[in-house]
Amino acid sequence: VDGLFQSISFKNASSLVSVSLALKDVNTMEGAADMMKFLASSCKLQKLCFYGYACKILANNGISSILPTTFEELKLLDLSLIGINHMNEFLCAFGLIRSCLNIE
């Protein structure tokens, strides 16, 4: 699904295998930690792509080097626009990579 959304719900998405999010607004995204927990534990996610300001938004919402859970089945992680000069964004990206146990 492509489009501009105010909110996203992943309810009843246990068969979800691929998610691509392009976040263009740096404002606080409520529920970022809950979204990450759900994506890691409640579905069979194999591909996760964060575009735009996703790492910045996740870092601003407390997702840093220690993630609340691991992505057991994830094989592909695609991250863009990581502010290496911004330690929180870098730690968030590094934490995401470390939480993907089966990345290829």
PDB file of N, CA and C in Angstrom:
ATOM      1  N   VAL A   1       0.848  -1.170   0.000  1.00  0.00           N
ATOM      2  CA  VAL A   1       0.000   0.000   0.000  1.00  0.00           C
ATOM      3  C   VAL A   1       0.888   1.225   0.000  1.00  0.00           C
ATOM      4  N   ASP A   2       0.639   2.119  -0.896  1.00  0.00           N
ATOM      5  CA  ASP A   2       1.424   3.341  -1.011  1.00  0.00           C
ATOM      6  C   ASP A   2       0.499   4.518  -0.760  1.00  0.00           C
ATOM      7  N   GLY A   3       0.961   5.477   0.004  1.00  0.00           N
ATOM      8  CA  GLY A   3       0.147   6.657   0.248  1.00  0.00           C
ATOM      9  C   GLY A   3       0.636   7.435   1.443  1.00  0.00           C
ATOM     10  N   LEU A   4      -0.079   8.486   1.766  1.00  0.00           N
ATOM     11  CA  LEU A   4       0.235   9.340   2.896  1.00  0.00           C
ATOM     12  C   LEU A   4      -0.765   9.025   3.996  1.00  0.00           C
ATOM     13  N   PHE A   5      -0.276   8.613   5.160  1.00  0.00           N
ATOM     14  CA  PHE A   5      -1.145   8.187   6.246  1.00  0.00           C
ATOM     15  C   PHE A   5      -0.843   8.969   7.515  1.00  0.00           C
ATOM     16  N   GLN A   6      -1.869   9.201   8.306  1.00  0.00           N
ATOM     17  CA  GLN A   6      -1.701   9.827   9.611  1.00  0.00           C
ATOM     18  C   GLN A   6      -1.318   8.791  10.656  1.00  0.00           C
ATOM     19  N   SER A   7      -1.783   7.552  10.483  1.00  0.00           N
ATOM     20  CA  SER A   7      -1.465   6.484  11.434  1.00  0.00           C
ATOM     21  C   SER A   7      -1.462   5.144  10.704  1.00  0.00           C
ATOM     22  N   ILE A   8      -0.826   4.180  11.344  1.00  0.00           N
ATOM     23  CA  ILE A   8      -0.737   2.829  10.787  1.00  0.00           C
ATOM     24  C   ILE A   8      -1.107   1.846  11.879  1.00  0.00           C
ATOM     25  N   SER A   9      -1.887   0.842  11.531  1.00  0.00           N
ATOM     26  CA  SER A   9      -2.228  -0.222  12.472  1.00  0.00           C
ATOM     27  C   SER A   9      -1.773  -1.546  11.875  1.00  0.00           C
ATOM     28  N   PHE A  10      -1.064  -2.325  12.677  1.00  0.00           N
ATOM     29  CA  PHE A  10      -0.598  -3.630  12.221  1.00  0.00           C
ATOM     30  C   PHE A  10      -1.427  -4.761  12.824  1.00  0.00           C
ATOM     31  N   LYS A  11      -2.631  -4.463  13.305  1.00  0.00           N
ATOM     32  CA  LYS A  11      -3.494  -5.495  13.876  1.00  0.00           C
ATOM     33  C   LYS A  11      -3.840  -6.509  12.796  1.00  0.00           C
ATOM     34  N   ASN A  12      -3.951  -7.759  13.193  1.00  0.00           N
ATOM     35  CA  ASN A  12      -4.294  -8.854  12.281  1.00  0.00           C
ATOM     36  C   ASN A  12      -3.320  -8.966  11.121  1.00  0.00           C
ATOM     37  N   ALA A  13      -2.047  -8.750  11.396  1.00  0.00           N
ATOM     38  CA  ALA A  13      -1.027  -8.806  10.343  1.00  0.00           C
ATOM     39  C   ALA A  13       0.006  -9.885  10.640  1.00  0.00           C
ATOM     40  N   SER A  14      -0.437 -11.005  11.177  1.00  0.00           N
ATOM     41  CA  SER A  14       0.508 -12.050  11.572  1.00  0.00           C
ATOM     42  C   SER A  14       1.225 -12.695  10.388  1.00  0.00           C
ATOM     43  N   SER A  15       0.702 -12.561   9.182  1.00  0.00           N
ATOM     44  CA  SER A  15       1.343 -13.138   7.997  1.00  0.00           C
ATOM     45  C   SER A  15       2.223 -12.140   7.261  1.00  0.00           C
ATOM     46  N   LEU A  16       2.397 -10.979   7.826  1.00  0.00           N
ATOM     47  CA  LEU A  16       3.189  -9.924   7.204  1.00  0.00           C
ATOM     48  C   LEU A  16       4.650 -10.359   7.067  1.00  0.00           C
ATOM     49  N   VAL A  17       5.212 -10.283   5.854  1.00  0.00           N
ATOM     50  CA  VAL A  17       6.606 -10.682   5.640  1.00  0.00           C
ATOM     51  C   VAL A  17       7.490  -9.526   5.172  1.00  0.00           C
ATOM     52  N   SER A  18       6.893  -8.420   4.726  1.00  0.00           N
ATOM     53  CA  SER A  18       7.673  -7.295   4.222  1.00  0.00           C
ATOM     54  C   SER A  18       7.014  -5.974   4.614  1.00  0.00           C
ATOM     55  N   VAL A  19       7.828  -5.060   5.163  1.00  0.00           N
ATOM     56  CA  VAL A  19       7.336  -3.732   5.538  1.00  0.00           C
ATOM     57  C   VAL A  19       8.339  -2.699   5.060  1.00  0.00           C
ATOM     58  N   SER A  20       7.845  -1.680   4.364  1.00  0.00           N
ATOM     59  CA  SER A  20       8.667  -0.542   3.954  1.00  0.00           C
ATOM     60  C   SER A  20       7.970   0.724   4.424  1.00  0.00           C
ATOM     61  N   LEU A  21       8.671   1.506   5.229  1.00  0.00           N
ATOM     62  CA  LEU A  21       8.120   2.758   5.737  1.00  0.00           C
ATOM     63  C   LEU A  21       9.018   3.911   5.329  1.00  0.00           C
ATOM     64  N   ALA A  22       8.432   4.919   4.720  1.00  0.00           N
ATOM     65  CA  ALA A  22       9.154   6.144   4.384  1.00  0.00           C
ATOM     66  C   ALA A  22       8.569   7.247   5.253  1.00  0.00           C
ATOM     67  N   LEU A  23       9.338   7.681   6.225  1.00  0.00           N
ATOM     68  CA  LEU A  23       8.869   8.697   7.159  1.00  0.00           C
ATOM     69  C   LEU A  23       9.507  10.025   6.798  1.00  0.00           C
ATOM     70  N   LYS A  24       8.674  10.985   6.430  1.00  0.00           N
ATOM     71  CA  LYS A  24       9.181  12.264   5.936  1.00  0.00           C
ATOM     72  C   LYS A  24       9.063  13.387   6.951  1.00  0.00           C
ATOM     73  N   ASP A  25       8.320  13.157   8.014  1.00  0.00           N
ATOM     74  CA  ASP A  25       8.114  14.189   9.022  1.00  0.00           C
ATOM     75  C   ASP A  25       8.859  13.783  10.285  1.00  0.00           C
ATOM     76  N   VAL A  26       9.658  14.671  10.820  1.00  0.00           N
ATOM     77  CA  VAL A  26      10.496  14.335  11.967  1.00  0.00           C
ATOM     78  C   VAL A  26       9.757  14.497  13.293  1.00  0.00           C
ATOM     79  N   ASN A  27       8.490  14.847  13.254  1.00  0.00           N
ATOM     80  CA  ASN A  27       7.737  14.988  14.498  1.00  0.00           C
ATOM     81  C   ASN A  27       7.663  13.651  15.222  1.00  0.00           C
ATOM     82  N   THR A  28       7.393  13.709  16.495  1.00  0.00           N
ATOM     83  CA  THR A  28       7.344  12.509  17.324  1.00  0.00           C
ATOM     84  C   THR A  28       6.305  11.529  16.800  1.00  0.00           C
ATOM     85  N   MET A  29       6.703  10.275  16.701  1.00  0.00           N
ATOM     86  CA  MET A  29       5.802   9.214  16.285  1.00  0.00           C
ATOM     87  C   MET A  29       5.425   8.421  17.526  1.00  0.00           C
ATOM     88  N   GLU A  30       4.194   8.563  17.974  1.00  0.00           N
ATOM     89  CA  GLU A  30       3.756   7.846  19.157  1.00  0.00           C
ATOM     90  C   GLU A  30       3.714   6.354  18.874  1.00  0.00           C
ATOM     91  N   GLY A  31       4.095   5.560  19.860  1.00  0.00           N
ATOM     92  CA  GLY A  31       4.014   4.117  19.729  1.00  0.00           C
ATOM     93  C   GLY A  31       5.153   3.477  18.963  1.00  0.00           C
ATOM     94  N   ALA A  32       6.270   4.174  18.790  1.00  0.00           N
ATOM     95  CA  ALA A  32       7.393   3.622  18.023  1.00  0.00           C
ATOM     96  C   ALA A  32       7.919   2.341  18.658  1.00  0.00           C
ATOM     97  N   ALA A  33       8.082   2.333  19.975  1.00  0.00           N
ATOM     98  CA  ALA A  33       8.594   1.138  20.658  1.00  0.00           C
ATOM     99  C   ALA A  33       7.615  -0.016  20.527  1.00  0.00           C
ATOM    100  N   ASP A  34       6.322   0.260  20.673  1.00  0.00           N
ATOM    101  CA  ASP A  34       5.310  -0.791  20.524  1.00  0.00           C
ATOM    102  C   ASP A  34       5.290  -1.340  19.105  1.00  0.00           C
ATOM    103  N   MET A  35       5.461  -0.466  18.112  1.00  0.00           N
ATOM    104  CA  MET A  35       5.498  -0.910  16.724  1.00  0.00           C
ATOM    105  C   MET A  35       6.669  -1.865  16.506  1.00  0.00           C
ATOM    106  N   MET A  36       7.845  -1.508  17.042  1.00  0.00           N
ATOM    107  CA  MET A  36       9.021  -2.359  16.871  1.00  0.00           C
ATOM    108  C   MET A  36       8.821  -3.714  17.550  1.00  0.00           C
ATOM    109  N   LYS A  37       8.248  -3.718  18.750  1.00  0.00           N
ATOM    110  CA  LYS A  37       7.978  -4.980  19.451  1.00  0.00           C
ATOM    111  C   LYS A  37       7.037  -5.850  18.635  1.00  0.00           C
ATOM    112  N   PHE A  38       5.973  -5.247  18.100  1.00  0.00           N
ATOM    113  CA  PHE A  38       5.024  -6.016  17.306  1.00  0.00           C
ATOM    114  C   PHE A  38       5.679  -6.582  16.056  1.00  0.00           C
ATOM    115  N   LEU A  39       6.389  -5.744  15.323  1.00  0.00           N
ATOM    116  CA  LEU A  39       7.017  -6.204  14.086  1.00  0.00           C
ATOM    117  C   LEU A  39       8.006  -7.331  14.344  1.00  0.00           C
ATOM    118  N   ALA A  40       8.679  -7.299  15.480  1.00  0.00           N
ATOM    119  CA  ALA A  40       9.664  -8.331  15.792  1.00  0.00           C
ATOM    120  C   ALA A  40       9.019  -9.621  16.269  1.00  0.00           C
ATOM    121  N   SER A  41       7.906  -9.532  16.981  1.00  0.00           N
ATOM    122  CA  SER A  41       7.398 -10.732  17.634  1.00  0.00           C
ATOM    123  C   SER A  41       6.069 -11.260  17.109  1.00  0.00           C
ATOM    124  N   SER A  42       5.271 -10.459  16.455  1.00  0.00           N
ATOM    125  CA  SER A  42       3.919 -10.878  16.110  1.00  0.00           C
ATOM    126  C   SER A  42       3.714 -11.246  14.652  1.00  0.00           C
ATOM    127  N   CYS A  43       4.746 -11.158  13.860  1.00  0.00           N
ATOM    128  CA  CYS A  43       4.592 -11.512  12.451  1.00  0.00           C
ATOM    129  C   CYS A  43       5.865 -12.200  11.960  1.00  0.00           C
ATOM    130  N   LYS A  44       5.821 -12.668  10.746  1.00  0.00           N
ATOM    131  CA  LYS A  44       6.933 -13.426  10.160  1.00  0.00           C
ATOM    132  C   LYS A  44       7.775 -12.535   9.261  1.00  0.00           C
ATOM    133  N   LEU A  45       8.087 -11.372   9.745  1.00  0.00           N
ATOM    134  CA  LEU A  45       8.768 -10.354   8.961  1.00  0.00           C
ATOM    135  C   LEU A  45      10.138 -10.828   8.482  1.00  0.00           C
ATOM    136  N   GLN A  46      10.361 -10.769   7.159  1.00  0.00           N
ATOM    137  CA  GLN A  46      11.638 -11.147   6.568  1.00  0.00           C
ATOM    138  C   GLN A  46      12.357  -9.958   5.942  1.00  0.00           C
ATOM    139  N   LYS A  47      11.607  -8.891   5.636  1.00  0.00           N
ATOM    140  CA  LYS A  47      12.200  -7.705   5.005  1.00  0.00           C
ATOM    141  C   LYS A  47      11.641  -6.458   5.686  1.00  0.00           C
ATOM    142  N   LEU A  48      12.551  -5.598   6.158  1.00  0.00           N
ATOM    143  CA  LEU A  48      12.157  -4.358   6.821  1.00  0.00           C
ATOM    144  C   LEU A  48      12.969  -3.219   6.228  1.00  0.00           C
ATOM    145  N   CYS A  49      12.280  -2.222   5.678  1.00  0.00           N
ATOM    146  CA  CYS A  49      12.936  -1.073   5.055  1.00  0.00           C
ATOM    147  C   CYS A  49      12.456   0.202   5.730  1.00  0.00           C
ATOM    148  N   PHE A  50      13.405   0.986   6.221  1.00  0.00           N
ATOM    149  CA  PHE A  50      13.104   2.289   6.801  1.00  0.00           C
ATOM    150  C   PHE A  50      13.747   3.348   5.928  1.00  0.00           C
ATOM    151  N   TYR A  51      12.935   4.208   5.352  1.00  0.00           N
ATOM    152  CA  TYR A  51      13.420   5.281   4.497  1.00  0.00           C
ATOM    153  C   TYR A  51      13.088   6.628   5.130  1.00  0.00           C
ATOM    154  N   GLY A  52      13.706   7.649   4.625  1.00  0.00           N
ATOM    155  CA  GLY A  52      13.438   8.980   5.150  1.00  0.00           C
ATOM    156  C   GLY A  52      14.058   9.152   6.527  1.00  0.00           C
ATOM    157  N   TYR A  53      13.304   9.731   7.411  1.00  0.00           N
ATOM    158  CA  TYR A  53      13.815  10.055   8.741  1.00  0.00           C
ATOM    159  C   TYR A  53      13.492   8.983   9.778  1.00  0.00           C
ATOM    160  N   ALA A  54      13.312   7.743   9.367  1.00  0.00           N
ATOM    161  CA  ALA A  54      12.891   6.689  10.284  1.00  0.00           C
ATOM    162  C   ALA A  54      13.844   6.513  11.458  1.00  0.00           C
ATOM    163  N   CYS A  55      15.140   6.419  11.209  1.00  0.00           N
ATOM    164  CA  CYS A  55      16.093   6.230  12.314  1.00  0.00           C
ATOM    165  C   CYS A  55      16.075   7.423  13.264  1.00  0.00           C
ATOM    166  N   LYS A  56      15.944   8.608  12.714  1.00  0.00           N
ATOM    167  CA  LYS A  56      15.883   9.810  13.561  1.00  0.00           C
ATOM    168  C   LYS A  56      14.629   9.779  14.430  1.00  0.00           C
ATOM    169  N   ILE A  57      13.502   9.422  13.842  1.00  0.00           N
ATOM    170  CA  ILE A  57      12.242   9.363  14.579  1.00  0.00           C
ATOM    171  C   ILE A  57      12.298   8.278  15.645  1.00  0.00           C
ATOM    172  N   LEU A  58      12.798   7.091  15.284  1.00  0.00           N
ATOM    173  CA  LEU A  58      12.909   6.009  16.264  1.00  0.00           C
ATOM    174  C   LEU A  58      13.843   6.406  17.401  1.00  0.00           C
ATOM    175  N   ALA A  59      14.972   7.019  17.069  1.00  0.00           N
ATOM    176  CA  ALA A  59      15.923   7.457  18.095  1.00  0.00           C
ATOM    177  C   ALA A  59      15.296   8.511  18.999  1.00  0.00           C
ATOM    178  N   ASN A  60      14.524   9.425  18.434  1.00  0.00           N
ATOM    179  CA  ASN A  60      13.853  10.455  19.233  1.00  0.00           C
ATOM    180  C   ASN A  60      12.785   9.876  20.151  1.00  0.00           C
ATOM    181  N   ASN A  61      12.351   8.649  19.855  1.00  0.00           N
ATOM    182  CA  ASN A  61      11.327   7.993  20.660  1.00  0.00           C
ATOM    183  C   ASN A  61      11.896   6.896  21.550  1.00  0.00           C
ATOM    184  N   GLY A  62      13.184   6.965  21.821  1.00  0.00           N
ATOM    185  CA  GLY A  62      13.783   6.056  22.787  1.00  0.00           C
ATOM    186  C   GLY A  62      14.288   4.740  22.240  1.00  0.00           C
ATOM    187  N   ILE A  63      14.202   4.527  20.941  1.00  0.00           N
ATOM    188  CA  ILE A  63      14.751   3.306  20.352  1.00  0.00           C
ATOM    189  C   ILE A  63      16.218   3.597  20.075  1.00  0.00           C
ATOM    190  N   SER A  64      17.090   2.972  20.841  1.00  0.00           N
ATOM    191  CA  SER A  64      18.519   3.244  20.650  1.00  0.00           C
ATOM    192  C   SER A  64      19.270   1.936  20.502  1.00  0.00           C
ATOM    193  N   SER A  65      20.429   1.833  21.108  1.00  0.00           N
ATOM    194  CA  SER A  65      21.275   0.658  20.897  1.00  0.00           C
ATOM    195  C   SER A  65      20.676  -0.607  21.489  1.00  0.00           C
ATOM    196  N   ILE A  66      19.756  -0.490  22.405  1.00  0.00           N
ATOM    197  CA  ILE A  66      19.122  -1.665  23.003  1.00  0.00           C
ATOM    198  C   ILE A  66      17.664  -1.684  22.572  1.00  0.00           C
ATOM    199  N   LEU A  67      17.318  -2.628  21.715  1.00  0.00           N
ATOM    200  CA  LEU A  67      15.944  -2.748  21.259  1.00  0.00           C
ATOM    201  C   LEU A  67      15.167  -3.657  22.197  1.00  0.00           C
ATOM    202  N   PRO A  68      13.850  -3.488  22.265  1.00  0.00           N
ATOM    203  CA  PRO A  68      13.046  -4.268  23.199  1.00  0.00           C
ATOM    204  C   PRO A  68      12.940  -5.749  22.840  1.00  0.00           C
ATOM    205  N   THR A  69      13.323  -6.127  21.632  1.00  0.00           N
ATOM    206  CA  THR A  69      13.191  -7.519  21.202  1.00  0.00           C
ATOM    207  C   THR A  69      14.080  -7.766  19.986  1.00  0.00           C
ATOM    208  N   THR A  70      14.101  -8.995  19.499  1.00  0.00           N
ATOM    209  CA  THR A  70      14.913  -9.318  18.327  1.00  0.00           C
ATOM    210  C   THR A  70      14.014  -9.724  17.154  1.00  0.00           C
ATOM    211  N   PHE A  71      14.528  -9.536  15.970  1.00  0.00           N
ATOM    212  CA  PHE A  71      13.841  -9.932  14.746  1.00  0.00           C
ATOM    213  C   PHE A  71      14.389 -11.299  14.344  1.00  0.00           C
ATOM    214  N   GLU A  72      13.720 -12.346  14.759  1.00  0.00           N
ATOM    215  CA  GLU A  72      14.195 -13.718  14.563  1.00  0.00           C
ATOM    216  C   GLU A  72      14.259 -14.128  13.092  1.00  0.00           C
ATOM    217  N   GLU A  73      13.271 -13.735  12.291  1.00  0.00           N
ATOM    218  CA  GLU A  73      13.177 -14.217  10.908  1.00  0.00           C
ATOM    219  C   GLU A  73      13.614 -13.201   9.864  1.00  0.00           C
ATOM    220  N   LEU A  74      13.988 -12.007  10.298  1.00  0.00           N
ATOM    221  CA  LEU A  74      14.353 -10.950   9.360  1.00  0.00           C
ATOM    222  C   LEU A  74      15.647 -11.291   8.629  1.00  0.00           C
ATOM    223  N   LYS A  75      15.608 -11.213   7.301  1.00  0.00           N
ATOM    224  CA  LYS A  75      16.781 -11.520   6.483  1.00  0.00           C
ATOM    225  C   LYS A  75      17.336 -10.288   5.792  1.00  0.00           C
ATOM    226  N   LEU A  76      16.493  -9.258   5.587  1.00  0.00           N
ATOM    227  CA  LEU A  76      16.938  -8.055   4.897  1.00  0.00           C
ATOM    228  C   LEU A  76      16.496  -6.821   5.679  1.00  0.00           C
ATOM    229  N   LEU A  77      17.457  -5.982   6.013  1.00  0.00           N
ATOM    230  CA  LEU A  77      17.196  -4.717   6.689  1.00  0.00           C
ATOM    231  C   LEU A  77      17.776  -3.608   5.831  1.00  0.00           C
ATOM    232  N   ASP A  78      16.945  -2.657   5.447  1.00  0.00           N
ATOM    233  CA  ASP A  78      17.368  -1.551   4.589  1.00  0.00           C
ATOM    234  C   ASP A  78      17.103  -0.245   5.334  1.00  0.00           C
ATOM    235  N   LEU A  79      18.164   0.503   5.600  1.00  0.00           N
ATOM    236  CA  LEU A  79      18.061   1.775   6.314  1.00  0.00           C
ATOM    237  C   LEU A  79      18.609   2.887   5.440  1.00  0.00           C
ATOM    238  N   SER A  80      17.983   4.058   5.486  1.00  0.00           N
ATOM    239  CA  SER A  80      18.506   5.195   4.728  1.00  0.00           C
ATOM    240  C   SER A  80      18.487   6.450   5.587  1.00  0.00           C
ATOM    241  N   LEU A  81      19.252   7.443   5.151  1.00  0.00           N
ATOM    242  CA  LEU A  81      19.359   8.738   5.823  1.00  0.00           C
ATOM    243  C   LEU A  81      19.730   8.616   7.299  1.00  0.00           C
ATOM    244  N   ILE A  82      20.785   7.878   7.573  1.00  0.00           N
ATOM    245  CA  ILE A  82      21.264   7.754   8.950  1.00  0.00           C
ATOM    246  C   ILE A  82      22.250   8.881   9.208  1.00  0.00           C
ATOM    247  N   GLY A  83      21.960   9.679  10.204  1.00  0.00           N
ATOM    248  CA  GLY A  83      22.848  10.777  10.564  1.00  0.00           C
ATOM    249  C   GLY A  83      24.004  10.270  11.404  1.00  0.00           C
ATOM    250  N   ILE A  84      25.114   9.906  10.751  1.00  0.00           N
ATOM    251  CA  ILE A  84      26.256   9.340  11.466  1.00  0.00           C
ATOM    252  C   ILE A  84      26.824  10.337  12.469  1.00  0.00           C
ATOM    253  N   ASN A  85      26.680  11.615  12.198  1.00  0.00           N
ATOM    254  CA  ASN A  85      27.146  12.632  13.138  1.00  0.00           C
ATOM    255  C   ASN A  85      26.200  12.805  14.319  1.00  0.00           C
ATOM    256  N   HIS A  86      25.047  12.187  14.249  1.00  0.00           N
ATOM    257  CA  HIS A  86      24.076  12.238  15.337  1.00  0.00           C
ATOM    258  C   HIS A  86      24.106  10.885  16.054  1.00  0.00           C
ATOM    259  N   MET A  87      24.710  10.849  17.216  1.00  0.00           N
ATOM    260  CA  MET A  87      24.970   9.594  17.918  1.00  0.00           C
ATOM    261  C   MET A  87      23.710   8.765  18.146  1.00  0.00           C
ATOM    262  N   ASN A  88      22.578   9.383  18.491  1.00  0.00           N
ATOM    263  CA  ASN A  88      21.358   8.618  18.749  1.00  0.00           C
ATOM    264  C   ASN A  88      20.874   7.886  17.500  1.00  0.00           C
ATOM    265  N   GLU A  89      20.958   8.527  16.345  1.00  0.00           N
ATOM    266  CA  GLU A  89      20.552   7.878  15.096  1.00  0.00           C
ATOM    267  C   GLU A  89      21.483   6.719  14.758  1.00  0.00           C
ATOM    268  N   PHE A  90      22.779   6.939  14.922  1.00  0.00           N
ATOM    269  CA  PHE A  90      23.759   5.893  14.646  1.00  0.00           C
ATOM    270  C   PHE A  90      23.536   4.704  15.576  1.00  0.00           C
ATOM    271  N   LEU A  91      23.316   4.974  16.869  1.00  0.00           N
ATOM    272  CA  LEU A  91      23.073   3.896  17.829  1.00  0.00           C
ATOM    273  C   LEU A  91      21.780   3.153  17.518  1.00  0.00           C
ATOM    274  N   CYS A  92      20.773   3.875  17.064  1.00  0.00           N
ATOM    275  CA  CYS A  92      19.516   3.244  16.672  1.00  0.00           C
ATOM    276  C   CYS A  92      19.742   2.292  15.498  1.00  0.00           C
ATOM    277  N   ALA A  93      20.443   2.755  14.472  1.00  0.00           N
ATOM    278  CA  ALA A  93      20.735   1.912  13.304  1.00  0.00           C
ATOM    279  C   ALA A  93      21.560   0.696  13.713  1.00  0.00           C
ATOM    280  N   PHE A  94      22.569   0.912  14.538  1.00  0.00           N
ATOM    281  CA  PHE A  94      23.412  -0.191  15.001  1.00  0.00           C
ATOM    282  C   PHE A  94      22.594  -1.176  15.833  1.00  0.00           C
ATOM    283  N   GLY A  95      21.702  -0.658  16.677  1.00  0.00           N
ATOM    284  CA  GLY A  95      20.829  -1.515  17.476  1.00  0.00           C
ATOM    285  C   GLY A  95      19.897  -2.337  16.612  1.00  0.00           C
ATOM    286  N   LEU A  96      19.365  -1.724  15.554  1.00  0.00           N
ATOM    287  CA  LEU A  96      18.510  -2.465  14.628  1.00  0.00           C
ATOM    288  C   LEU A  96      19.279  -3.605  13.970  1.00  0.00           C
ATOM    289  N   ILE A  97      20.487  -3.320  13.531  1.00  0.00           N
ATOM    290  CA  ILE A  97      21.311  -4.352  12.892  1.00  0.00           C
ATOM    291  C   ILE A  97      21.600  -5.483  13.875  1.00  0.00           C
ATOM    292  N   ARG A  98      21.963  -5.133  15.096  1.00  0.00           N
ATOM    293  CA  ARG A  98      22.276  -6.146  16.121  1.00  0.00           C
ATOM    294  C   ARG A  98      21.070  -6.986  16.504  1.00  0.00           C
ATOM    295  N   SER A  99      19.870  -6.449  16.354  1.00  0.00           N
ATOM    296  CA  SER A  99      18.674  -7.191  16.746  1.00  0.00           C
ATOM    297  C   SER A  99      18.177  -8.130  15.645  1.00  0.00           C
ATOM    298  N   CYS A 100      18.815  -8.108  14.490  1.00  0.00           N
ATOM    299  CA  CYS A 100      18.445  -8.982  13.367  1.00  0.00           C
ATOM    300  C   CYS A 100      19.406 -10.165  13.351  1.00  0.00           C
ATOM    301  N   LEU A 101      18.993 -11.257  13.948  1.00  0.00           N
ATOM    302  CA  LEU A 101      19.883 -12.397  14.151  1.00  0.00           C
ATOM    303  C   LEU A 101      20.227 -13.149  12.875  1.00  0.00           C
ATOM    304  N   ASN A 102      19.350 -13.126  11.889  1.00  0.00           N
ATOM    305  CA  ASN A 102      19.554 -13.923  10.671  1.00  0.00           C
ATOM    306  C   ASN A 102      19.723 -13.073   9.427  1.00  0.00           C
ATOM    307  N   ILE A 103      20.240 -11.875   9.596  1.00  0.00           N
ATOM    308  CA  ILE A 103      20.391 -10.957   8.469  1.00  0.00           C
ATOM    309  C   ILE A 103      21.388 -11.529   7.450  1.00  0.00           C
ATOM    310  N   GLU A 104      21.081 -11.348   6.178  1.00  0.00           N
ATOM    311  CA  GLU A 104      21.953 -11.878   5.112  1.00  0.00           C
ATOM    312  C   GLU A 104      22.691 -10.765   4.414  1.00  0.00           C
TER     313      GLU A 104
END
